[in-house]
N, C-alpha and C. Protein backbone atom coordinates (compact mmCIF):
# COMPACT_ATOMS: atom_id res chain seq x y z
N MET A 1 -3.65 52.60 48.67
CA MET A 1 -3.52 51.55 49.65
C MET A 1 -4.81 51.52 50.45
N THR A 2 -5.41 50.36 50.52
CA THR A 2 -6.59 50.13 51.35
C THR A 2 -6.19 49.20 52.48
N ILE A 3 -6.42 49.63 53.70
CA ILE A 3 -6.11 48.80 54.87
C ILE A 3 -7.44 48.31 55.43
N ALA A 4 -7.76 47.06 55.12
CA ALA A 4 -9.04 46.46 55.54
C ALA A 4 -8.78 45.53 56.71
N SER A 5 -8.13 46.07 57.72
CA SER A 5 -7.74 45.28 58.87
C SER A 5 -7.40 46.23 60.00
N GLY A 6 -7.46 45.74 61.21
CA GLY A 6 -6.93 46.50 62.32
C GLY A 6 -5.42 46.51 62.23
N ILE A 7 -4.80 47.60 62.60
CA ILE A 7 -3.33 47.69 62.57
C ILE A 7 -2.83 47.19 63.91
N VAL A 8 -2.04 46.11 63.85
CA VAL A 8 -1.63 45.42 65.07
C VAL A 8 -0.12 45.19 65.04
N PRO A 9 0.62 45.80 66.00
CA PRO A 9 2.05 45.51 66.06
C PRO A 9 2.28 44.01 66.23
N GLY A 10 3.15 43.46 65.41
CA GLY A 10 3.43 42.03 65.44
C GLY A 10 2.34 41.21 64.78
N GLY A 11 1.42 41.88 64.04
CA GLY A 11 0.26 41.21 63.45
C GLY A 11 0.44 40.83 62.00
N GLY A 12 1.63 40.37 61.61
CA GLY A 12 1.83 39.93 60.24
C GLY A 12 1.68 41.07 59.26
N GLU A 13 0.80 40.89 58.27
CA GLU A 13 0.64 41.93 57.24
C GLU A 13 0.03 43.21 57.80
N ALA A 14 -0.58 43.17 58.98
CA ALA A 14 -1.18 44.34 59.60
C ALA A 14 -0.23 45.05 60.57
N ASP A 15 1.00 44.60 60.65
CA ASP A 15 2.01 45.25 61.48
C ASP A 15 2.38 46.60 60.84
N PRO A 16 2.51 47.67 61.63
CA PRO A 16 2.83 48.98 61.06
C PRO A 16 4.09 48.98 60.19
N ASP A 17 5.12 48.25 60.59
CA ASP A 17 6.34 48.19 59.78
C ASP A 17 6.09 47.46 58.46
N ALA A 18 5.29 46.41 58.49
CA ALA A 18 4.96 45.67 57.27
C ALA A 18 4.14 46.55 56.32
N ILE A 19 3.22 47.33 56.88
CA ILE A 19 2.41 48.24 56.06
C ILE A 19 3.31 49.29 55.43
N GLY A 20 4.22 49.85 56.21
CA GLY A 20 5.16 50.84 55.67
C GLY A 20 6.00 50.27 54.54
N ALA A 21 6.46 49.04 54.70
CA ALA A 21 7.26 48.39 53.65
C ALA A 21 6.42 48.21 52.38
N ARG A 22 5.15 47.87 52.54
CA ARG A 22 4.28 47.69 51.37
C ARG A 22 4.02 49.03 50.67
N TYR A 23 3.84 50.09 51.46
CA TYR A 23 3.71 51.42 50.86
C TYR A 23 4.94 51.75 50.02
N TYR A 24 6.10 51.48 50.57
CA TYR A 24 7.34 51.79 49.86
C TYR A 24 7.47 50.96 48.58
N ARG A 25 7.14 49.66 48.65
CA ARG A 25 7.19 48.82 47.44
C ARG A 25 6.20 49.33 46.40
N LEU A 26 5.03 49.76 46.83
CA LEU A 26 4.04 50.30 45.90
C LEU A 26 4.58 51.58 45.24
N TYR A 27 5.23 52.41 46.02
CA TYR A 27 5.86 53.63 45.50
C TYR A 27 6.92 53.30 44.44
N GLN A 28 7.65 52.22 44.65
CA GLN A 28 8.72 51.84 43.73
C GLN A 28 8.19 51.21 42.44
N GLN A 29 6.92 50.85 42.39
CA GLN A 29 6.33 50.20 41.22
C GLN A 29 5.27 51.14 40.61
N PRO A 30 5.68 52.10 39.80
CA PRO A 30 4.73 53.08 39.28
C PRO A 30 3.63 52.48 38.39
N ASP A 31 3.82 51.27 37.90
CA ASP A 31 2.80 50.62 37.09
C ASP A 31 1.72 49.96 37.94
N ARG A 32 1.95 49.89 39.23
CA ARG A 32 0.97 49.29 40.16
C ARG A 32 0.21 50.41 40.85
N VAL A 33 -1.11 50.35 40.83
CA VAL A 33 -1.90 51.48 41.33
C VAL A 33 -2.67 51.17 42.60
N GLU A 34 -2.70 49.90 43.01
CA GLU A 34 -3.53 49.56 44.16
C GLU A 34 -2.92 48.43 44.96
N GLU A 35 -3.15 48.48 46.25
CA GLU A 35 -2.70 47.43 47.16
C GLU A 35 -3.75 47.32 48.26
N VAL A 36 -4.16 46.11 48.59
CA VAL A 36 -5.14 45.88 49.64
C VAL A 36 -4.50 45.02 50.72
N ILE A 37 -4.62 45.47 51.96
CA ILE A 37 -4.12 44.72 53.11
C ILE A 37 -5.34 44.20 53.87
N GLY A 38 -5.41 42.90 54.08
CA GLY A 38 -6.53 42.31 54.81
C GLY A 38 -7.58 41.76 53.87
N ASP A 39 -8.70 41.38 54.44
CA ASP A 39 -9.82 40.80 53.69
C ASP A 39 -10.86 41.90 53.46
N LEU A 40 -10.89 42.45 52.26
CA LEU A 40 -11.75 43.59 51.96
C LEU A 40 -13.23 43.25 52.12
N ASN A 41 -13.65 42.09 51.68
CA ASN A 41 -15.06 41.72 51.81
C ASN A 41 -15.47 41.55 53.28
N ALA A 42 -14.61 40.95 54.09
CA ALA A 42 -14.91 40.81 55.51
C ALA A 42 -14.97 42.18 56.18
N PHE A 43 -14.09 43.09 55.79
CA PHE A 43 -14.09 44.44 56.35
C PHE A 43 -15.37 45.17 55.96
N ARG A 44 -15.78 45.06 54.71
CA ARG A 44 -17.03 45.70 54.26
C ARG A 44 -18.23 45.17 55.05
N ALA A 45 -18.27 43.87 55.26
CA ALA A 45 -19.38 43.27 56.01
C ALA A 45 -19.39 43.78 57.45
N LEU A 46 -18.22 43.88 58.07
CA LEU A 46 -18.12 44.38 59.44
C LEU A 46 -18.60 45.83 59.53
N VAL A 47 -18.17 46.66 58.59
CA VAL A 47 -18.59 48.05 58.58
C VAL A 47 -20.10 48.15 58.37
N ALA A 48 -20.64 47.38 57.43
CA ALA A 48 -22.08 47.41 57.16
C ALA A 48 -22.87 46.97 58.38
N GLU A 49 -22.34 46.03 59.13
CA GLU A 49 -23.02 45.52 60.32
C GLU A 49 -23.11 46.58 61.42
N HIS A 50 -22.09 47.42 61.52
CA HIS A 50 -22.01 48.37 62.63
C HIS A 50 -22.32 49.82 62.24
N ALA A 51 -22.45 50.10 60.97
CA ALA A 51 -22.71 51.47 60.53
C ALA A 51 -24.19 51.80 60.70
N PRO A 52 -24.49 53.04 61.08
CA PRO A 52 -25.91 53.42 61.17
C PRO A 52 -26.54 53.41 59.78
N ARG A 53 -27.77 52.98 59.72
CA ARG A 53 -28.50 52.90 58.45
C ARG A 53 -29.17 54.23 58.14
N HIS A 54 -29.12 54.58 56.88
CA HIS A 54 -29.87 55.73 56.38
C HIS A 54 -31.05 55.20 55.60
N LYS A 55 -32.11 55.95 55.53
CA LYS A 55 -33.33 55.45 54.90
C LYS A 55 -33.14 55.09 53.43
N ASP A 56 -32.20 55.73 52.72
CA ASP A 56 -31.98 55.43 51.30
C ASP A 56 -30.83 54.45 51.06
N GLN A 57 -30.27 53.87 52.12
CA GLN A 57 -29.15 52.94 52.01
C GLN A 57 -29.68 51.52 51.81
N PRO A 58 -29.08 50.76 50.87
CA PRO A 58 -29.51 49.37 50.70
C PRO A 58 -29.27 48.56 51.96
N SER A 59 -30.04 47.51 52.14
CA SER A 59 -29.93 46.69 53.35
C SER A 59 -28.71 45.79 53.33
N THR A 60 -28.14 45.50 52.17
CA THR A 60 -26.95 44.68 52.10
C THR A 60 -25.86 45.46 51.38
N PRO A 61 -24.61 45.27 51.77
CA PRO A 61 -23.53 45.98 51.09
C PRO A 61 -23.41 45.52 49.65
N THR A 62 -23.07 46.44 48.78
CA THR A 62 -22.84 46.11 47.38
C THR A 62 -21.37 46.23 47.08
N THR A 63 -20.91 45.45 46.14
CA THR A 63 -19.51 45.54 45.74
C THR A 63 -19.44 45.83 44.26
N THR A 64 -18.36 46.50 43.88
CA THR A 64 -18.14 46.79 42.48
C THR A 64 -16.82 46.18 42.02
N ASP A 65 -16.35 45.17 42.75
CA ASP A 65 -15.08 44.52 42.38
C ASP A 65 -15.26 43.81 41.04
N ASN A 66 -14.25 43.95 40.21
CA ASN A 66 -14.28 43.27 38.90
C ASN A 66 -13.34 42.12 38.90
């Protein structure tokens, strides 16, 4: 489970109870291996914007989504 959002009570899919329900549904579906909550690309961009840069880190975030 990847949570690419702030956890907000009453916040729709980011509500703690909604996240718990999704964890449970994922547990019940052994053929399903991944679940993403929120906008993963927007979350990556936000993290890249605020993360400290290392000298060997690329200047733009890279994705390996297929």
